[in-house]
Amino acid sequence: MTEEEQLKKMRLEILQDIDCKDRDEIFKLKLIDAKYIALNALYPFHKEITELPDRYKNWQVRCAIELYRKMGEEGYLSYSENGLSYTMKTDMISESLMNELIPRAGVIK
C-alpha cells in the first residue's frame, strides 16, 4: 500500500471525501507516528529497522486514524456538560489495535 493509498483511506474514513486534500499534511504526520509506534512494538531490540513491512500498512492507517481522532483530547479523563458525559482512556491507541502487533525478538549476539 503506497502513501497515497493510505491517504485516500484516511480521507474517506475521516472526511468522507476521497478528493479533499486539506488535511493531508496532518494525516502524513499521523502516519509517521503510527509507523514508529508499530516499529517500536514489533522490533523493540532492532532500532536499525526503519521501514514498516507492507503487511502492516493497513494497521498503520487504522492507527493513524485513531491518533487523528484523539487530537486535542490529550489529558481528558472525564468531561461532563449539560448531562452529557465523556470519559477517555489515557492510552495513545486502543489496546485491541496494539494487540495486533506481535514483537519480534531474537537472540542477543
PDB file of N, CA and C in Angstrom:
ATOM      1  N   MET A   1       0.856  -1.173   0.000  1.00  0.00           N
ATOM      2  CA  MET A   1       0.000   0.000   0.000  1.00  0.00           C
ATOM      3  C   MET A   1       0.903   1.238   0.000  1.00  0.00           C
ATOM      4  N   THR A   2       0.704   2.095  -0.946  1.00  0.00           N
ATOM      5  CA  THR A   2       1.504   3.319  -1.044  1.00  0.00           C
ATOM      6  C   THR A   2       0.981   4.377  -0.074  1.00  0.00           C
ATOM      7  N   GLU A   3       1.786   5.422   0.122  1.00  0.00           N
ATOM      8  CA  GLU A   3       1.349   6.511   0.987  1.00  0.00           C
ATOM      9  C   GLU A   3       0.086   7.171   0.434  1.00  0.00           C
ATOM     10  N   GLU A   4       0.009   7.327  -0.880  1.00  0.00           N
ATOM     11  CA  GLU A   4      -1.186   7.933  -1.484  1.00  0.00           C
ATOM     12  C   GLU A   4      -2.428   7.082  -1.214  1.00  0.00           C
ATOM     13  N   GLU A   5      -2.293   5.770  -1.290  1.00  0.00           N
ATOM     14  CA  GLU A   5      -3.424   4.888  -0.985  1.00  0.00           C
ATOM     15  C   GLU A   5      -3.813   5.005   0.486  1.00  0.00           C
ATOM     16  N   GLN A   6      -2.814   5.133   1.356  1.00  0.00           N
ATOM     17  CA  GLN A   6      -3.100   5.318   2.774  1.00  0.00           C
ATOM     18  C   GLN A   6      -3.841   6.636   3.005  1.00  0.00           C
ATOM     19  N   LEU A   7      -3.393   7.687   2.343  1.00  0.00           N
ATOM     20  CA  LEU A   7      -4.057   8.985   2.483  1.00  0.00           C
ATOM     21  C   LEU A   7      -5.496   8.937   1.971  1.00  0.00           C
ATOM     22  N   LYS A   8      -5.718   8.239   0.874  1.00  0.00           N
ATOM     23  CA  LYS A   8      -7.081   8.100   0.347  1.00  0.00           C
ATOM     24  C   LYS A   8      -7.979   7.401   1.364  1.00  0.00           C
ATOM     25  N   LYS A   9      -7.449   6.348   1.996  1.00  0.00           N
ATOM     26  CA  LYS A   9      -8.228   5.645   3.025  1.00  0.00           C
ATOM     27  C   LYS A   9      -8.574   6.569   4.172  1.00  0.00           C
ATOM     28  N   MET A  10      -7.597   7.366   4.592  1.00  0.00           N
ATOM     29  CA  MET A  10      -7.845   8.285   5.702  1.00  0.00           C
ATOM     30  C   MET A  10      -8.857   9.360   5.316  1.00  0.00           C
ATOM     31  N   ARG A  11      -8.726   9.906   4.107  1.00  0.00           N
ATOM     32  CA  ARG A  11      -9.687  10.918   3.645  1.00  0.00           C
ATOM     33  C   ARG A  11     -11.096  10.356   3.633  1.00  0.00           C
ATOM     34  N   LEU A  12     -11.236   9.158   3.125  1.00  0.00           N
ATOM     35  CA  LEU A  12     -12.555   8.541   3.028  1.00  0.00           C
ATOM     36  C   LEU A  12     -13.132   8.252   4.410  1.00  0.00           C
ATOM     37  N   GLU A  13     -12.315   7.716   5.299  1.00  0.00           N
ATOM     38  CA  GLU A  13     -12.763   7.358   6.649  1.00  0.00           C
ATOM     39  C   GLU A  13     -13.087   8.590   7.493  1.00  0.00           C
ATOM     40  N   ILE A  14     -12.239   9.590   7.427  1.00  0.00           N
ATOM     41  CA  ILE A  14     -12.394  10.746   8.307  1.00  0.00           C
ATOM     42  C   ILE A  14     -13.238  11.854   7.681  1.00  0.00           C
ATOM     43  N   LEU A  15     -12.946  12.177   6.425  1.00  0.00           N
ATOM     44  CA  LEU A  15     -13.615  13.307   5.774  1.00  0.00           C
ATOM     45  C   LEU A  15     -14.789  12.908   4.891  1.00  0.00           C
ATOM     46  N   GLN A  16     -14.932  11.610   4.613  1.00  0.00           N
ATOM     47  CA  GLN A  16     -15.939  11.092   3.684  1.00  0.00           C
ATOM     48  C   GLN A  16     -15.812  11.726   2.303  1.00  0.00           C
ATOM     49  N   ASP A  17     -14.597  12.137   1.960  1.00  0.00           N
ATOM     50  CA  ASP A  17     -14.339  12.738   0.653  1.00  0.00           C
ATOM     51  C   ASP A  17     -12.928  12.358   0.220  1.00  0.00           C
ATOM     52  N   ILE A  18     -12.826  11.459  -0.721  1.00  0.00           N
ATOM     53  CA  ILE A  18     -11.535  10.922  -1.146  1.00  0.00           C
ATOM     54  C   ILE A  18     -10.672  11.954  -1.869  1.00  0.00           C
ATOM     55  N   ASP A  19     -11.278  13.017  -2.380  1.00  0.00           N
ATOM     56  CA  ASP A  19     -10.547  14.021  -3.141  1.00  0.00           C
ATOM     57  C   ASP A  19     -10.122  15.244  -2.325  1.00  0.00           C
ATOM     58  N   CYS A  20     -10.608  15.378  -1.106  1.00  0.00           N
ATOM     59  CA  CYS A  20     -10.281  16.531  -0.262  1.00  0.00           C
ATOM     60  C   CYS A  20      -8.889  16.340   0.354  1.00  0.00           C
ATOM     61  N   LYS A  21      -7.957  17.188  -0.049  1.00  0.00           N
ATOM     62  CA  LYS A  21      -6.574  17.059   0.409  1.00  0.00           C
ATOM     63  C   LYS A  21      -6.199  18.106   1.467  1.00  0.00           C
ATOM     64  N   ASP A  22      -7.191  18.746   2.054  1.00  0.00           N
ATOM     65  CA  ASP A  22      -6.961  19.824   3.010  1.00  0.00           C
ATOM     66  C   ASP A  22      -6.155  19.392   4.233  1.00  0.00           C
ATOM     67  N   ARG A  23      -6.315  18.168   4.670  1.00  0.00           N
ATOM     68  CA  ARG A  23      -5.669  17.719   5.908  1.00  0.00           C
ATOM     69  C   ARG A  23      -4.561  16.697   5.663  1.00  0.00           C
ATOM     70  N   ASP A  24      -4.094  16.591   4.437  1.00  0.00           N
ATOM     71  CA  ASP A  24      -3.080  15.592   4.103  1.00  0.00           C
ATOM     72  C   ASP A  24      -1.798  15.739   4.920  1.00  0.00           C
ATOM     73  N   GLU A  25      -1.383  16.968   5.218  1.00  0.00           N
ATOM     74  CA  GLU A  25      -0.151  17.153   5.993  1.00  0.00           C
ATOM     75  C   GLU A  25      -0.310  16.593   7.408  1.00  0.00           C
ATOM     76  N   ILE A  26      -1.460  16.813   8.015  1.00  0.00           N
ATOM     77  CA  ILE A  26      -1.732  16.251   9.340  1.00  0.00           C
ATOM     78  C   ILE A  26      -1.804  14.727   9.241  1.00  0.00           C
ATOM     79  N   PHE A  27      -2.470  14.230   8.208  1.00  0.00           N
ATOM     80  CA  PHE A  27      -2.570  12.782   8.015  1.00  0.00           C
ATOM     81  C   PHE A  27      -1.185  12.158   7.860  1.00  0.00           C
ATOM     82  N   LYS A  28      -0.294  12.820   7.126  1.00  0.00           N
ATOM     83  CA  LYS A  28       1.069  12.294   6.950  1.00  0.00           C
ATOM     84  C   LYS A  28       1.805  12.227   8.282  1.00  0.00           C
ATOM     85  N   LEU A  29       1.633  13.248   9.114  1.00  0.00           N
ATOM     86  CA  LEU A  29       2.263  13.232  10.438  1.00  0.00           C
ATOM     87  C   LEU A  29       1.739  12.079  11.288  1.00  0.00           C
ATOM     88  N   LYS A  30       0.438  11.841  11.220  1.00  0.00           N
ATOM     89  CA  LYS A  30      -0.144  10.742  11.994  1.00  0.00           C
ATOM     90  C   LYS A  30       0.313   9.383  11.454  1.00  0.00           C
ATOM     91  N   LEU A  31       0.502   9.270  10.141  1.00  0.00           N
ATOM     92  CA  LEU A  31       1.032   8.038   9.560  1.00  0.00           C
ATOM     93  C   LEU A  31       2.463   7.784  10.036  1.00  0.00           C
ATOM     94  N   ILE A  32       3.249   8.836  10.149  1.00  0.00           N
ATOM     95  CA  ILE A  32       4.615   8.689  10.666  1.00  0.00           C
ATOM     96  C   ILE A  32       4.585   8.257  12.125  1.00  0.00           C
ATOM     97  N   ASP A  33       3.731   8.887  12.931  1.00  0.00           N
ATOM     98  CA  ASP A  33       3.599   8.493  14.335  1.00  0.00           C
ATOM     99  C   ASP A  33       3.203   7.020  14.452  1.00  0.00           C
ATOM    100  N   ALA A  34       2.239   6.608  13.648  1.00  0.00           N
ATOM    101  CA  ALA A  34       1.774   5.219  13.677  1.00  0.00           C
ATOM    102  C   ALA A  34       2.888   4.263  13.265  1.00  0.00           C
ATOM    103  N   LYS A  35       3.674   4.660  12.291  1.00  0.00           N
ATOM    104  CA  LYS A  35       4.790   3.830  11.833  1.00  0.00           C
ATOM    105  C   LYS A  35       5.765   3.571  12.981  1.00  0.00           C
ATOM    106  N   TYR A  36       6.129   4.612  13.720  1.00  0.00           N
ATOM    107  CA  TYR A  36       7.087   4.441  14.806  1.00  0.00           C
ATOM    108  C   TYR A  36       6.497   3.713  16.013  1.00  0.00           C
ATOM    109  N   ILE A  37       5.219   3.852  16.243  1.00  0.00           N
ATOM    110  CA  ILE A  37       4.575   3.057  17.291  1.00  0.00           C
ATOM    111  C   ILE A  37       4.693   1.580  16.937  1.00  0.00           C
ATOM    112  N   ALA A  38       4.403   1.255  15.673  1.00  0.00           N
ATOM    113  CA  ALA A  38       4.484  -0.136  15.215  1.00  0.00           C
ATOM    114  C   ALA A  38       5.917  -0.657  15.262  1.00  0.00           C
ATOM    115  N   LEU A  39       6.861   0.129  14.756  1.00  0.00           N
ATOM    116  CA  LEU A  39       8.259  -0.319  14.755  1.00  0.00           C
ATOM    117  C   LEU A  39       8.777  -0.550  16.171  1.00  0.00           C
ATOM    118  N   ASN A  40       8.416   0.328  17.094  1.00  0.00           N
ATOM    119  CA  ASN A  40       8.856   0.156  18.480  1.00  0.00           C
ATOM    120  C   ASN A  40       8.229  -1.071  19.137  1.00  0.00           C
ATOM    121  N   ALA A  41       7.016  -1.397  18.752  1.00  0.00           N
ATOM    122  CA  ALA A  41       6.357  -2.585  19.308  1.00  0.00           C
ATOM    123  C   ALA A  41       6.841  -3.867  18.630  1.00  0.00           C
ATOM    124  N   LEU A  42       7.005  -3.825  17.318  1.00  0.00           N
ATOM    125  CA  LEU A  42       7.402  -5.021  16.569  1.00  0.00           C
ATOM    126  C   LEU A  42       8.870  -5.384  16.748  1.00  0.00           C
ATOM    127  N   TYR A  43       9.721  -4.382  16.762  1.00  0.00           N
ATOM    128  CA  TYR A  43      11.169  -4.614  16.802  1.00  0.00           C
ATOM    129  C   TYR A  43      11.811  -3.846  17.960  1.00  0.00           C
ATOM    130  N   PRO A  44      11.488  -4.213  19.194  1.00  0.00           N
ATOM    131  CA  PRO A  44      11.999  -3.444  20.332  1.00  0.00           C
ATOM    132  C   PRO A  44      13.521  -3.487  20.471  1.00  0.00           C
ATOM    133  N   PHE A  45      14.179  -4.502  19.916  1.00  0.00           N
ATOM    134  CA  PHE A  45      15.629  -4.630  20.050  1.00  0.00           C
ATOM    135  C   PHE A  45      16.362  -4.414  18.736  1.00  0.00           C
ATOM    136  N   HIS A  46      15.669  -3.964  17.713  1.00  0.00           N
ATOM    137  CA  HIS A  46      16.280  -3.765  16.397  1.00  0.00           C
ATOM    138  C   HIS A  46      16.018  -2.338  15.927  1.00  0.00           C
ATOM    139  N   LYS A  47      16.703  -1.396  16.511  1.00  0.00           N
ATOM    140  CA  LYS A  47      16.491   0.022  16.187  1.00  0.00           C
ATOM    141  C   LYS A  47      16.954   0.375  14.773  1.00  0.00           C
ATOM    142  N   GLU A  48      17.728  -0.516  14.138  1.00  0.00           N
ATOM    143  CA  GLU A  48      18.186  -0.246  12.777  1.00  0.00           C
ATOM    144  C   GLU A  48      17.086  -0.466  11.742  1.00  0.00           C
ATOM    145  N   ILE A  49      16.006  -1.147  12.121  1.00  0.00           N
ATOM    146  CA  ILE A  49      14.872  -1.342  11.213  1.00  0.00           C
ATOM    147  C   ILE A  49      14.039  -0.072  11.230  1.00  0.00           C
ATOM    148  N   THR A  50      13.933   0.570  10.062  1.00  0.00           N
ATOM    149  CA  THR A  50      13.253   1.869   9.993  1.00  0.00           C
ATOM    150  C   THR A  50      12.055   1.885   9.051  1.00  0.00           C
ATOM    151  N   GLU A  51      11.814   0.786   8.381  1.00  0.00           N
ATOM    152  CA  GLU A  51      10.668   0.713   7.472  1.00  0.00           C
ATOM    153  C   GLU A  51       9.692  -0.358   7.931  1.00  0.00           C
ATOM    154  N   LEU A  52       8.442  -0.063   7.828  1.00  0.00           N
ATOM    155  CA  LEU A  52       7.382  -0.977   8.224  1.00  0.00           C
ATOM    156  C   LEU A  52       7.086  -1.953   7.085  1.00  0.00           C
ATOM    157  N   PRO A  53       7.033  -3.255   7.388  1.00  0.00           N
ATOM    158  CA  PRO A  53       6.690  -4.216   6.329  1.00  0.00           C
ATOM    159  C   PRO A  53       5.311  -3.917   5.738  1.00  0.00           C
ATOM    160  N   ASP A  54       5.142  -4.243   4.453  1.00  0.00           N
ATOM    161  CA  ASP A  54       3.885  -3.958   3.750  1.00  0.00           C
ATOM    162  C   ASP A  54       2.671  -4.538   4.452  1.00  0.00           C
ATOM    163  N   ARG A  55       2.819  -5.684   5.084  1.00  0.00           N
ATOM    164  CA  ARG A  55       1.655  -6.312   5.723  1.00  0.00           C
ATOM    165  C   ARG A  55       1.087  -5.486   6.877  1.00  0.00           C
ATOM    166  N   TYR A  56       1.844  -4.490   7.359  1.00  0.00           N
ATOM    167  CA  TYR A  56       1.363  -3.645   8.456  1.00  0.00           C
ATOM    168  C   TYR A  56       0.883  -2.269   7.990  1.00  0.00           C
ATOM    169  N   LYS A  57       0.849  -2.034   6.700  1.00  0.00           N
ATOM    170  CA  LYS A  57       0.435  -0.721   6.187  1.00  0.00           C
ATOM    171  C   LYS A  57      -1.035  -0.418   6.508  1.00  0.00           C
ATOM    172  N   ASN A  58      -1.891  -1.432   6.449  1.00  0.00           N
ATOM    173  CA  ASN A  58      -3.294  -1.222   6.815  1.00  0.00           C
ATOM    174  C   ASN A  58      -3.409  -0.919   8.309  1.00  0.00           C
ATOM    175  N   TRP A  59      -2.631  -1.618   9.118  1.00  0.00           N
ATOM    176  CA  TRP A  59      -2.602  -1.341  10.559  1.00  0.00           C
ATOM    177  C   TRP A  59      -2.171   0.108  10.795  1.00  0.00           C
ATOM    178  N   GLN A  60      -1.158   0.545  10.051  1.00  0.00           N
ATOM    179  CA  GLN A  60      -0.646   1.904  10.174  1.00  0.00           C
ATOM    180  C   GLN A  60      -1.750   2.931   9.913  1.00  0.00           C
ATOM    181  N   VAL A  61      -2.567   2.694   8.907  1.00  0.00           N
ATOM    182  CA  VAL A  61      -3.671   3.611   8.592  1.00  0.00           C
ATOM    183  C   VAL A  61      -4.687   3.625   9.733  1.00  0.00           C
ATOM    184  N   ARG A  62      -5.066   2.453  10.205  1.00  0.00           N
ATOM    185  CA  ARG A  62      -6.052   2.399  11.297  1.00  0.00           C
ATOM    186  C   ARG A  62      -5.525   3.079  12.553  1.00  0.00           C
ATOM    187  N   CYS A  63      -4.243   2.917  12.836  1.00  0.00           N
ATOM    188  CA  CYS A  63      -3.632   3.577  13.989  1.00  0.00           C
ATOM    189  C   CYS A  63      -3.606   5.089  13.778  1.00  0.00           C
ATOM    190  N   ALA A  64      -3.234   5.535  12.587  1.00  0.00           N
ATOM    191  CA  ALA A  64      -3.189   6.968  12.283  1.00  0.00           C
ATOM    192  C   ALA A  64      -4.573   7.603  12.434  1.00  0.00           C
ATOM    193  N   ILE A  65      -5.598   6.876  12.041  1.00  0.00           N
ATOM    194  CA  ILE A  65      -6.975   7.378  12.192  1.00  0.00           C
ATOM    195  C   ILE A  65      -7.312   7.548  13.668  1.00  0.00           C
ATOM    196  N   GLU A  66      -6.944   6.570  14.487  1.00  0.00           N
ATOM    197  CA  GLU A  66      -7.182   6.698  15.931  1.00  0.00           C
ATOM    198  C   GLU A  66      -6.431   7.890  16.501  1.00  0.00           C
ATOM    199  N   LEU A  67      -5.177   8.045  16.113  1.00  0.00           N
ATOM    200  CA  LEU A  67      -4.373   9.169  16.602  1.00  0.00           C
ATOM    201  C   LEU A  67      -4.980  10.500  16.164  1.00  0.00           C
ATOM    202  N   TYR A  68      -5.451  10.576  14.938  1.00  0.00           N
ATOM    203  CA  TYR A  68      -6.072  11.799  14.429  1.00  0.00           C
ATOM    204  C   TYR A  68      -7.331  12.131  15.231  1.00  0.00           C
ATOM    205  N   ARG A  69      -8.131  11.135  15.476  1.00  0.00           N
ATOM    206  CA  ARG A  69      -9.402  11.372  16.182  1.00  0.00           C
ATOM    207  C   ARG A  69      -9.181  11.784  17.630  1.00  0.00           C
ATOM    208  N   LYS A  70      -8.027  11.444  18.199  1.00  0.00           N
ATOM    209  CA  LYS A  70      -7.746  11.803  19.590  1.00  0.00           C
ATOM    210  C   LYS A  70      -7.002  13.127  19.715  1.00  0.00           C
ATOM    211  N   MET A  71      -6.739  13.774  18.602  1.00  0.00           N
ATOM    212  CA  MET A  71      -6.049  15.071  18.665  1.00  0.00           C
ATOM    213  C   MET A  71      -6.858  16.057  19.496  1.00  0.00           C
ATOM    214  N   GLY A  72      -6.180  16.760  20.367  1.00  0.00           N
ATOM    215  CA  GLY A  72      -6.853  17.759  21.189  1.00  0.00           C
ATOM    216  C   GLY A  72      -7.537  17.194  22.407  1.00  0.00           C
ATOM    217  N   GLU A  73      -7.518  15.888  22.554  1.00  0.00           N
ATOM    218  CA  GLU A  73      -8.181  15.265  23.703  1.00  0.00           C
ATOM    219  C   GLU A  73      -7.179  14.762  24.733  1.00  0.00           C
ATOM    220  N   GLU A  74      -5.888  15.055  24.548  1.00  0.00           N
ATOM    221  CA  GLU A  74      -4.881  14.582  25.468  1.00  0.00           C
ATOM    222  C   GLU A  74      -5.182  15.067  26.876  1.00  0.00           C
ATOM    223  N   GLY A  75      -5.102  14.153  27.809  1.00  0.00           N
ATOM    224  CA  GLY A  75      -5.280  14.517  29.201  1.00  0.00           C
ATOM    225  C   GLY A  75      -6.701  14.426  29.720  1.00  0.00           C
ATOM    226  N   TYR A  76      -7.686  14.308  28.856  1.00  0.00           N
ATOM    227  CA  TYR A  76      -9.061  14.200  29.338  1.00  0.00           C
ATOM    228  C   TYR A  76      -9.276  12.830  29.974  1.00  0.00           C
ATOM    229  N   LEU A  77      -9.682  12.835  31.212  1.00  0.00           N
ATOM    230  CA  LEU A  77     -10.075  11.595  31.868  1.00  0.00           C
ATOM    231  C   LEU A  77     -11.586  11.525  31.957  1.00  0.00           C
ATOM    232  N   SER A  78     -12.195  12.683  32.150  1.00  0.00           N
ATOM    233  CA  SER A  78     -13.644  12.732  32.240  1.00  0.00           C
ATOM    234  C   SER A  78     -14.093  14.140  31.889  1.00  0.00           C
ATOM    235  N   TYR A  79     -15.243  14.218  31.231  1.00  0.00           N
ATOM    236  CA  TYR A  79     -15.794  15.515  30.861  1.00  0.00           C
ATOM    237  C   TYR A  79     -17.307  15.407  30.923  1.00  0.00           C
ATOM    238  N   SER A  80     -17.951  16.405  31.499  1.00  0.00           N
ATOM    239  CA  SER A  80     -19.398  16.379  31.605  1.00  0.00           C
ATOM    240  C   SER A  80     -19.937  17.795  31.406  1.00  0.00           C
ATOM    241  N   GLU A  81     -20.986  17.889  30.597  1.00  0.00           N
ATOM    242  CA  GLU A  81     -21.615  19.184  30.366  1.00  0.00           C
ATOM    243  C   GLU A  81     -23.053  18.956  29.933  1.00  0.00           C
ATOM    244  N   ASN A  82     -23.989  19.663  30.550  1.00  0.00           N
ATOM    245  CA  ASN A  82     -25.413  19.584  30.215  1.00  0.00           C
ATOM    246  C   ASN A  82     -25.927  18.148  30.147  1.00  0.00           C
ATOM    247  N   GLY A  83     -25.507  17.339  31.085  1.00  0.00           N
ATOM    248  CA  GLY A  83     -25.994  15.962  31.135  1.00  0.00           C
ATOM    249  C   GLY A  83     -25.262  14.995  30.224  1.00  0.00           C
ATOM    250  N   LEU A  84     -24.342  15.495  29.424  1.00  0.00           N
ATOM    251  CA  LEU A  84     -23.563  14.634  28.542  1.00  0.00           C
ATOM    252  C   LEU A  84     -22.220  14.359  29.201  1.00  0.00           C
ATOM    253  N   SER A  85     -21.870  13.088  29.320  1.00  0.00           N
ATOM    254  CA  SER A  85     -20.626  12.701  29.977  1.00  0.00           C
ATOM    255  C   SER A  85     -19.717  11.993  28.994  1.00  0.00           C
ATOM    256  N   TYR A  86     -18.414  12.286  29.089  1.00  0.00           N
ATOM    257  CA  TYR A  86     -17.433  11.700  28.186  1.00  0.00           C
ATOM    258  C   TYR A  86     -16.207  11.298  28.993  1.00  0.00           C
ATOM    259  N   THR A  87     -15.779  10.060  28.876  1.00  0.00           N
ATOM    260  CA  THR A  87     -14.583   9.573  29.541  1.00  0.00           C
ATOM    261  C   THR A  87     -13.688   8.939  28.497  1.00  0.00           C
ATOM    262  N   MET A  88     -12.399   9.210  28.594  1.00  0.00           N
ATOM    263  CA  MET A  88     -11.462   8.671  27.625  1.00  0.00           C
ATOM    264  C   MET A  88     -10.297   8.014  28.343  1.00  0.00           C
ATOM    265  N   LYS A  89      -9.832   6.897  27.807  1.00  0.00           N
ATOM    266  CA  LYS A  89      -8.645   6.264  28.348  1.00  0.00           C
ATOM    267  C   LYS A  89      -7.445   7.146  28.052  1.00  0.00           C
ATOM    268  N   THR A  90      -6.405   6.995  28.838  1.00  0.00           N
ATOM    269  CA  THR A  90      -5.215   7.796  28.618  1.00  0.00           C
ATOM    270  C   THR A  90      -4.267   7.131  27.623  1.00  0.00           C
ATOM    271  N   ASP A  91      -4.581   5.947  27.152  1.00  0.00           N
ATOM    272  CA  ASP A  91      -3.734   5.265  26.179  1.00  0.00           C
ATOM    273  C   ASP A  91      -3.685   6.057  24.887  1.00  0.00           C
ATOM    274  N   MET A  92      -2.539   5.975  24.188  1.00  0.00           N
ATOM    275  CA  MET A  92      -2.416   6.655  22.909  1.00  0.00           C
ATOM    276  C   MET A  92      -3.299   5.998  21.862  1.00  0.00           C
ATOM    277  N   ILE A  93      -3.274   4.664  21.814  1.00  0.00           N
ATOM    278  CA  ILE A  93      -4.132   3.937  20.877  1.00  0.00           C
ATOM    279  C   ILE A  93      -4.789   2.786  21.620  1.00  0.00           C
ATOM    280  N   SER A  94      -5.818   2.224  21.014  1.00  0.00           N
ATOM    281  CA  SER A  94      -6.602   1.194  21.687  1.00  0.00           C
ATOM    282  C   SER A  94      -5.790  -0.078  21.934  1.00  0.00           C
ATOM    283  N   GLU A  95      -6.145  -0.747  22.977  1.00  0.00           N
ATOM    284  CA  GLU A  95      -5.486  -1.998  23.341  1.00  0.00           C
ATOM    285  C   GLU A  95      -5.681  -3.059  22.262  1.00  0.00           C
ATOM    286  N   SER A  96      -6.873  -3.111  21.672  1.00  0.00           N
ATOM    287  CA  SER A  96      -7.131  -4.118  20.636  1.00  0.00           C
ATOM    288  C   SER A  96      -6.245  -3.894  19.413  1.00  0.00           C
ATOM    289  N   LEU A  97      -5.978  -2.649  19.064  1.00  0.00           N
ATOM    290  CA  LEU A  97      -5.100  -2.354  17.939  1.00  0.00           C
ATOM    291  C   LEU A  97      -3.652  -2.733  18.282  1.00  0.00           C
ATOM    292  N   MET A  98      -3.211  -2.405  19.475  1.00  0.00           N
ATOM    293  CA  MET A  98      -1.846  -2.760  19.897  1.00  0.00           C
ATOM    294  C   MET A  98      -1.653  -4.270  19.970  1.00  0.00           C
ATOM    295  N   ASN A  99      -2.704  -4.988  20.333  1.00  0.00           N
ATOM    296  CA  ASN A  99      -2.590  -6.444  20.445  1.00  0.00           C
ATOM    297  C   ASN A  99      -2.383  -7.125  19.095  1.00  0.00           C
ATOM    298  N   GLU A 100      -2.622  -6.431  18.017  1.00  0.00           N
ATOM    299  CA  GLU A 100      -2.378  -6.989  16.690  1.00  0.00           C
ATOM    300  C   GLU A 100      -0.889  -7.061  16.363  1.00  0.00           C
ATOM    301  N   LEU A 101      -0.080  -6.332  17.104  1.00  0.00           N
ATOM    302  CA  LEU A 101       1.363  -6.308  16.870  1.00  0.00           C
ATOM    303  C   LEU A 101       2.050  -7.315  17.782  1.00  0.00           C
ATOM    304  N   ILE A 102       2.761  -8.246  17.193  1.00  0.00           N
ATOM    305  CA  ILE A 102       3.482  -9.244  17.958  1.00  0.00           C
ATOM    306  C   ILE A 102       4.971  -8.926  17.858  1.00  0.00           C
ATOM    307  N   PRO A 103       5.611  -8.616  18.992  1.00  0.00           N
ATOM    308  CA  PRO A 103       7.028  -8.240  18.955  1.00  0.00           C
ATOM    309  C   PRO A 103       7.894  -9.348  18.374  1.00  0.00           C
ATOM    310  N   ARG A 104       8.890  -8.936  17.609  1.00  0.00           N
ATOM    311  CA  ARG A 104       9.873  -9.846  17.042  1.00  0.00           C
ATOM    312  C   ARG A 104      11.161  -9.644  17.820  1.00  0.00           C
ATOM    313  N   ALA A 105      11.604 -10.675  18.483  1.00  0.00           N
ATOM    314  CA  ALA A 105      12.843 -10.606  19.247  1.00  0.00           C
ATOM    315  C   ALA A 105      13.778 -11.703  18.764  1.00  0.00           C
ATOM    316  N   GLY A 106      15.017 -11.555  19.065  1.00  0.00           N
ATOM    317  CA  GLY A 106      15.990 -12.549  18.665  1.00  0.00           C
ATOM    318  C   GLY A 106      16.956 -12.816  19.801  1.00  0.00           C
ATOM    319  N   VAL A 107      17.951 -13.596  19.503  1.00  0.00           N
ATOM    320  CA  VAL A 107      18.966 -13.929  20.497  1.00  0.00           C
ATOM    321  C   VAL A 107      20.026 -12.834  20.482  1.00  0.00           C
ATOM    322  N   ILE A 108      20.425 -12.400  21.654  1.00  0.00           N
ATOM    323  CA  ILE A 108      21.456 -11.372  21.746  1.00  0.00           C
ATOM    324  C   ILE A 108      22.776 -11.962  21.293  1.00  0.00           C
ATOM    325  N   LYS A 109      23.466 -11.225  20.427  1.00  0.00           N
ATOM    326  CA  LYS A 109      24.748 -11.720  19.908  1.00  0.00           C
ATOM    327  C   LYS A 109      25.902 -11.094  20.628  1.00  0.00           C
TER     328      LYS A 109
END
